[in-house]
N, C-alpha and C. Protein backbone atom coordinates (compact mmCIF):
# COMPACT_ATOMS: atom_id res chain seq x y z
N UNK A 1 17.59 47.21 20.79
CA UNK A 1 17.26 48.38 20.02
C UNK A 1 17.22 49.57 20.96
N UNK A 2 17.56 50.70 20.43
CA UNK A 2 17.57 51.90 21.25
C UNK A 2 16.18 52.43 21.47
N UNK A 3 16.10 53.43 22.30
CA UNK A 3 14.81 54.06 22.53
C UNK A 3 14.31 53.79 23.93
N UNK A 4 13.36 54.58 24.34
CA UNK A 4 12.80 54.42 25.67
C UNK A 4 11.29 54.42 25.58
N UNK A 5 10.65 54.07 26.69
CA UNK A 5 9.19 54.11 26.75
C UNK A 5 8.54 53.11 25.83
N UNK A 6 7.29 53.41 25.46
CA UNK A 6 6.51 52.50 24.64
C UNK A 6 7.00 52.38 23.20
N UNK A 7 8.01 53.16 22.84
CA UNK A 7 8.49 53.11 21.47
C UNK A 7 9.39 51.92 21.19
N UNK A 8 9.86 51.21 22.21
CA UNK A 8 10.71 50.07 21.93
C UNK A 8 9.85 48.86 21.60
N UNK A 9 10.31 48.08 20.66
CA UNK A 9 9.55 46.90 20.26
C UNK A 9 9.46 45.90 21.40
N UNK A 10 10.51 45.78 22.17
CA UNK A 10 10.49 44.84 23.29
C UNK A 10 9.33 45.17 24.23
N UNK A 11 9.20 46.42 24.58
CA UNK A 11 8.12 46.80 25.48
C UNK A 11 6.76 46.59 24.84
N UNK A 12 6.65 46.88 23.57
CA UNK A 12 5.38 46.66 22.88
C UNK A 12 4.99 45.19 22.92
N UNK A 13 5.95 44.31 22.62
CA UNK A 13 5.65 42.88 22.59
C UNK A 13 5.39 42.33 23.99
N UNK A 14 6.11 42.83 24.97
CA UNK A 14 5.85 42.41 26.36
C UNK A 14 4.45 42.80 26.79
N UNK A 15 3.95 43.87 26.22
CA UNK A 15 2.60 44.33 26.54
C UNK A 15 1.55 43.69 25.65
N UNK A 16 1.92 42.62 24.95
CA UNK A 16 0.97 41.87 24.15
C UNK A 16 0.72 42.43 22.76
N UNK A 17 1.54 43.37 22.32
CA UNK A 17 1.38 43.95 20.99
C UNK A 17 1.94 42.98 19.94
N UNK A 18 1.40 43.04 18.73
CA UNK A 18 1.86 42.20 17.62
C UNK A 18 2.66 43.09 16.68
N UNK A 19 3.95 42.83 16.57
CA UNK A 19 4.83 43.65 15.73
C UNK A 19 5.47 42.80 14.65
N UNK A 20 5.65 43.39 13.47
CA UNK A 20 6.33 42.73 12.36
C UNK A 20 7.27 43.73 11.71
N UNK A 21 8.19 43.21 10.91
CA UNK A 21 9.08 44.04 10.10
C UNK A 21 8.69 43.88 8.65
N UNK A 22 8.84 44.96 7.89
CA UNK A 22 8.64 44.91 6.44
C UNK A 22 9.57 45.93 5.81
N UNK A 23 10.46 45.48 4.95
CA UNK A 23 11.39 46.36 4.23
C UNK A 23 12.14 47.31 5.16
N UNK A 24 12.62 46.77 6.27
CA UNK A 24 13.41 47.56 7.20
C UNK A 24 12.62 48.48 8.10
N UNK A 25 11.31 48.37 8.07
CA UNK A 25 10.47 49.21 8.92
C UNK A 25 9.69 48.32 9.89
N UNK A 26 9.47 48.84 11.08
CA UNK A 26 8.74 48.09 12.10
C UNK A 26 7.29 48.58 12.17
N UNK A 27 6.39 47.63 12.37
CA UNK A 27 4.96 47.94 12.41
C UNK A 27 4.32 47.26 13.61
N UNK A 28 3.42 47.96 14.27
CA UNK A 28 2.61 47.38 15.33
C UNK A 28 1.22 47.18 14.73
N UNK A 29 0.91 45.94 14.37
CA UNK A 29 -0.33 45.63 13.65
C UNK A 29 -1.44 45.11 14.57
N UNK A 30 -1.26 45.29 15.85
CA UNK A 30 -2.23 44.78 16.82
C UNK A 30 -3.65 45.24 16.52
N UNK A 31 -3.82 46.53 16.29
CA UNK A 31 -5.16 47.09 16.08
C UNK A 31 -5.82 46.57 14.81
N UNK A 32 -5.02 46.19 13.83
CA UNK A 32 -5.57 45.70 12.56
C UNK A 32 -5.75 44.18 12.56
N UNK A 33 -5.07 43.49 13.45
CA UNK A 33 -5.01 42.02 13.37
C UNK A 33 -6.38 41.35 13.36
N UNK A 34 -7.33 41.86 14.10
CA UNK A 34 -8.67 41.25 14.12
C UNK A 34 -9.44 41.50 12.83
N UNK A 35 -9.04 42.51 12.06
CA UNK A 35 -9.72 42.84 10.81
C UNK A 35 -9.01 42.27 9.58
N UNK A 36 -7.85 41.64 9.79
CA UNK A 36 -7.09 41.08 8.67
C UNK A 36 -7.93 40.02 7.97
N UNK A 37 -8.09 40.12 6.64
CA UNK A 37 -8.93 39.15 5.92
C UNK A 37 -8.50 37.70 6.10
N UNK A 38 -7.21 37.47 6.30
CA UNK A 38 -6.72 36.11 6.51
C UNK A 38 -6.81 35.65 7.95
N UNK A 39 -7.26 36.53 8.82
CA UNK A 39 -7.38 36.20 10.23
C UNK A 39 -6.18 36.64 11.05
N UNK A 40 -6.41 36.80 12.31
CA UNK A 40 -5.37 37.21 13.25
C UNK A 40 -4.24 36.18 13.32
N UNK A 41 -4.56 34.93 13.00
CA UNK A 41 -3.59 33.85 13.09
C UNK A 41 -2.34 34.13 12.27
N UNK A 42 -2.51 34.79 11.12
CA UNK A 42 -1.35 35.08 10.27
C UNK A 42 -0.40 36.03 10.96
N UNK A 43 -0.93 37.03 11.62
CA UNK A 43 -0.07 37.96 12.35
C UNK A 43 0.61 37.26 13.52
N UNK A 44 -0.12 36.41 14.21
CA UNK A 44 0.48 35.69 15.33
C UNK A 44 1.58 34.75 14.83
N UNK A 45 1.36 34.15 13.68
CA UNK A 45 2.36 33.23 13.11
C UNK A 45 3.66 33.96 12.77
N UNK A 46 3.55 35.19 12.30
CA UNK A 46 4.73 35.93 11.85
C UNK A 46 5.13 37.06 12.79
N UNK A 47 4.58 37.10 13.99
CA UNK A 47 4.93 38.15 14.96
C UNK A 47 6.43 38.15 15.22
N UNK A 48 7.02 39.34 15.18
CA UNK A 48 8.45 39.49 15.42
C UNK A 48 9.32 39.14 14.25
N UNK A 49 8.72 38.85 13.10
CA UNK A 49 9.48 38.43 11.93
C UNK A 49 9.37 39.45 10.80
N UNK A 50 10.24 39.28 9.83
CA UNK A 50 10.20 40.11 8.62
C UNK A 50 9.21 39.47 7.65
N UNK A 51 8.17 40.20 7.30
CA UNK A 51 7.12 39.68 6.43
C UNK A 51 7.23 40.19 5.00
N UNK A 52 8.37 40.79 4.65
CA UNK A 52 8.55 41.35 3.31
C UNK A 52 8.28 40.31 2.24
N UNK A 53 8.95 39.17 2.32
CA UNK A 53 8.80 38.12 1.30
C UNK A 53 7.42 37.48 1.37
N UNK A 54 6.91 37.29 2.57
CA UNK A 54 5.59 36.68 2.74
C UNK A 54 4.53 37.49 2.00
N UNK A 55 4.61 38.81 2.10
CA UNK A 55 3.61 39.66 1.45
C UNK A 55 3.78 39.69 -0.07
N UNK A 56 4.96 39.37 -0.56
CA UNK A 56 5.21 39.37 -2.01
C UNK A 56 4.88 38.02 -2.65
N UNK A 57 4.90 36.96 -1.86
CA UNK A 57 4.65 35.62 -2.38
C UNK A 57 3.24 35.48 -2.95
N UNK A 58 3.09 34.60 -3.89
CA UNK A 58 1.78 34.32 -4.49
C UNK A 58 0.92 33.46 -3.57
N UNK A 59 1.55 32.75 -2.65
CA UNK A 59 0.81 31.87 -1.75
C UNK A 59 0.83 32.44 -0.34
N UNK A 60 -0.24 32.61 0.34
CA UNK A 60 -1.58 32.27 -0.13
C UNK A 60 -2.10 33.24 -1.19
N UNK A 61 -1.56 34.45 -1.23
CA UNK A 61 -1.90 35.40 -2.30
C UNK A 61 -0.92 36.56 -2.23
N UNK A 62 -0.74 37.22 -3.36
CA UNK A 62 0.10 38.42 -3.38
C UNK A 62 -0.75 39.58 -2.84
N UNK A 63 -0.16 40.39 -1.99
CA UNK A 63 -0.90 41.50 -1.39
C UNK A 63 -1.04 42.67 -2.36
N UNK A 64 -2.15 43.36 -2.27
CA UNK A 64 -2.44 44.49 -3.14
C UNK A 64 -1.77 45.76 -2.62
N UNK A 65 -1.81 46.81 -3.45
CA UNK A 65 -1.29 48.11 -3.02
C UNK A 65 -2.07 48.61 -1.81
N UNK A 66 -3.35 48.30 -1.76
CA UNK A 66 -4.17 48.72 -0.62
C UNK A 66 -3.67 48.08 0.67
N UNK A 67 -3.23 46.83 0.59
CA UNK A 67 -2.70 46.15 1.78
C UNK A 67 -1.46 46.86 2.31
N UNK A 68 -0.59 47.30 1.39
CA UNK A 68 0.62 48.02 1.79
C UNK A 68 0.27 49.38 2.38
N UNK A 69 -0.77 50.01 1.86
CA UNK A 69 -1.21 51.31 2.39
C UNK A 69 -1.75 51.14 3.81
N UNK A 70 -2.48 50.07 4.04
CA UNK A 70 -2.99 49.79 5.38
C UNK A 70 -1.83 49.53 6.33
N UNK A 71 -0.87 48.72 5.89
CA UNK A 71 0.29 48.41 6.72
C UNK A 71 1.02 49.69 7.14
N UNK A 72 1.16 50.62 6.21
CA UNK A 72 1.89 51.86 6.48
C UNK A 72 1.26 52.66 7.63
N UNK A 73 -0.03 52.52 7.81
CA UNK A 73 -0.72 53.24 8.90
C UNK A 73 -0.23 52.80 10.28
N UNK A 74 0.38 51.63 10.34
CA UNK A 74 0.78 51.06 11.62
C UNK A 74 2.30 51.09 11.83
N UNK A 75 2.99 51.89 11.03
CA UNK A 75 4.45 51.96 11.13
C UNK A 75 4.86 52.58 12.46
N UNK A 76 5.82 51.94 13.09
CA UNK A 76 6.38 52.44 14.35
C UNK A 76 7.57 53.33 14.05
N UNK A 77 8.52 52.78 13.29
CA UNK A 77 9.73 53.52 12.97
C UNK A 77 10.45 52.82 11.84
N UNK A 78 11.36 53.54 11.24
CA UNK A 78 12.20 53.00 10.18
C UNK A 78 13.48 52.53 10.83
N UNK A 79 13.69 51.24 10.89
CA UNK A 79 14.85 50.71 11.59
C UNK A 79 16.15 51.10 10.92
N UNK A 80 16.14 51.34 9.61
CA UNK A 80 17.36 51.77 8.92
C UNK A 80 17.74 53.19 9.30
N UNK A 81 16.75 54.03 9.56
CA UNK A 81 17.02 55.42 9.92
C UNK A 81 17.45 55.55 11.37
N UNK A 82 16.85 54.76 12.26
CA UNK A 82 17.10 54.94 13.68
C UNK A 82 18.24 54.10 14.22
N UNK A 83 18.73 53.14 13.46
CA UNK A 83 19.78 52.28 13.97
C UNK A 83 20.96 52.28 13.04
N UNK A 84 22.13 52.15 13.63
CA UNK A 84 23.33 52.04 12.81
C UNK A 84 23.66 50.57 12.64
N UNK A 85 24.54 50.30 11.69
CA UNK A 85 24.96 48.93 11.47
C UNK A 85 24.33 48.33 10.24
N UNK A 86 24.71 47.11 9.99
CA UNK A 86 24.23 46.39 8.81
C UNK A 86 22.80 45.91 9.04
N UNK A 87 22.10 45.58 7.95
CA UNK A 87 20.75 45.01 8.12
C UNK A 87 20.78 43.74 8.97
N UNK A 88 21.86 42.96 8.84
CA UNK A 88 21.97 41.73 9.62
C UNK A 88 22.05 42.05 11.12
N UNK A 89 22.84 43.06 11.47
CA UNK A 89 22.96 43.45 12.88
C UNK A 89 21.64 43.99 13.41
N UNK A 90 20.94 44.74 12.59
CA UNK A 90 19.64 45.28 12.99
C UNK A 90 18.67 44.14 13.25
N UNK A 91 18.65 43.17 12.34
CA UNK A 91 17.74 42.04 12.50
C UNK A 91 18.07 41.25 13.75
N UNK A 92 19.35 41.03 14.00
CA UNK A 92 19.75 40.27 15.18
C UNK A 92 19.29 40.99 16.45
N UNK A 93 19.44 42.29 16.50
CA UNK A 93 18.98 43.05 17.67
C UNK A 93 17.46 42.92 17.82
N UNK A 94 16.73 43.03 16.70
CA UNK A 94 15.28 42.90 16.76
C UNK A 94 14.89 41.51 17.26
N UNK A 95 15.52 40.47 16.70
CA UNK A 95 15.19 39.10 17.10
C UNK A 95 15.49 38.88 18.58
N UNK A 96 16.63 39.36 19.04
CA UNK A 96 17.00 39.18 20.44
C UNK A 96 16.02 39.86 21.37
N UNK A 97 15.55 41.04 20.98
CA UNK A 97 14.55 41.73 21.80
C UNK A 97 13.23 40.97 21.79
N UNK A 98 12.87 40.42 20.64
CA UNK A 98 11.64 39.65 20.54
C UNK A 98 11.73 38.41 21.43
N UNK A 99 12.86 37.70 21.35
CA UNK A 99 13.06 36.50 22.15
C UNK A 99 13.02 36.84 23.64
N UNK A 100 13.62 37.96 24.02
CA UNK A 100 13.62 38.37 25.42
C UNK A 100 12.22 38.73 25.90
N UNK A 101 11.38 39.18 24.98
CA UNK A 101 10.02 39.57 25.35
C UNK A 101 9.14 38.37 25.65
N UNK A 102 9.53 37.21 25.15
CA UNK A 102 8.74 36.00 25.34
C UNK A 102 9.61 34.90 25.94
N UNK A 103 10.00 35.03 27.19
CA UNK A 103 10.88 34.03 27.80
C UNK A 103 10.22 32.66 27.84
N UNK A 104 11.03 31.65 27.57
CA UNK A 104 10.54 30.28 27.61
C UNK A 104 9.94 29.80 26.30
N UNK A 105 9.74 30.69 25.35
CA UNK A 105 9.17 30.29 24.06
C UNK A 105 10.29 29.83 23.13
N UNK A 106 9.94 29.00 22.17
CA UNK A 106 10.90 28.56 21.16
C UNK A 106 10.89 29.57 20.03
N UNK A 107 12.05 30.02 19.60
CA UNK A 107 12.16 31.04 18.57
C UNK A 107 12.98 30.52 17.40
N UNK A 108 12.53 30.83 16.22
CA UNK A 108 13.28 30.50 15.01
C UNK A 108 13.13 31.66 14.05
N UNK A 109 14.24 32.24 13.65
CA UNK A 109 14.21 33.35 12.70
C UNK A 109 15.18 33.07 11.58
N UNK A 110 14.80 33.49 10.40
CA UNK A 110 15.67 33.35 9.24
C UNK A 110 15.76 34.70 8.56
N UNK A 111 16.97 35.12 8.26
CA UNK A 111 17.18 36.38 7.55
C UNK A 111 17.90 36.05 6.26
N UNK A 112 17.30 36.37 5.14
CA UNK A 112 17.93 36.20 3.85
C UNK A 112 18.43 37.55 3.39
N UNK A 113 19.69 37.63 3.07
CA UNK A 113 20.29 38.88 2.64
C UNK A 113 20.83 38.68 1.24
N UNK A 114 20.59 39.62 0.38
CA UNK A 114 21.08 39.53 -0.99
C UNK A 114 20.11 40.15 -1.95
N UNK A 115 20.46 40.05 -3.19
CA UNK A 115 19.61 40.64 -4.23
C UNK A 115 18.94 39.56 -5.02
């Protein structure tokens, strides 16, 4: 991903930050993770991943409008605005940066594209 300084996701994650994607936007949820009603474990489980579907699912629960408002407070940037290419290419770049930020870790990402 482009960018310099602390604005790149790779640098944020290397510095121990917890970042997620939602609807093409990147969020650094580190500051909120300890206050998340479901516990910090959920953010750690989905760190570096797209949580759009997870937040819409009924299990463990569907998130409220308030949850989306809280998430918006932690937005880093809109990946669709700042990057060119298809959503698939954007996701691949994000995943590769995430994997590079955690060398030696096992990574598994799934991107579902469609309507």
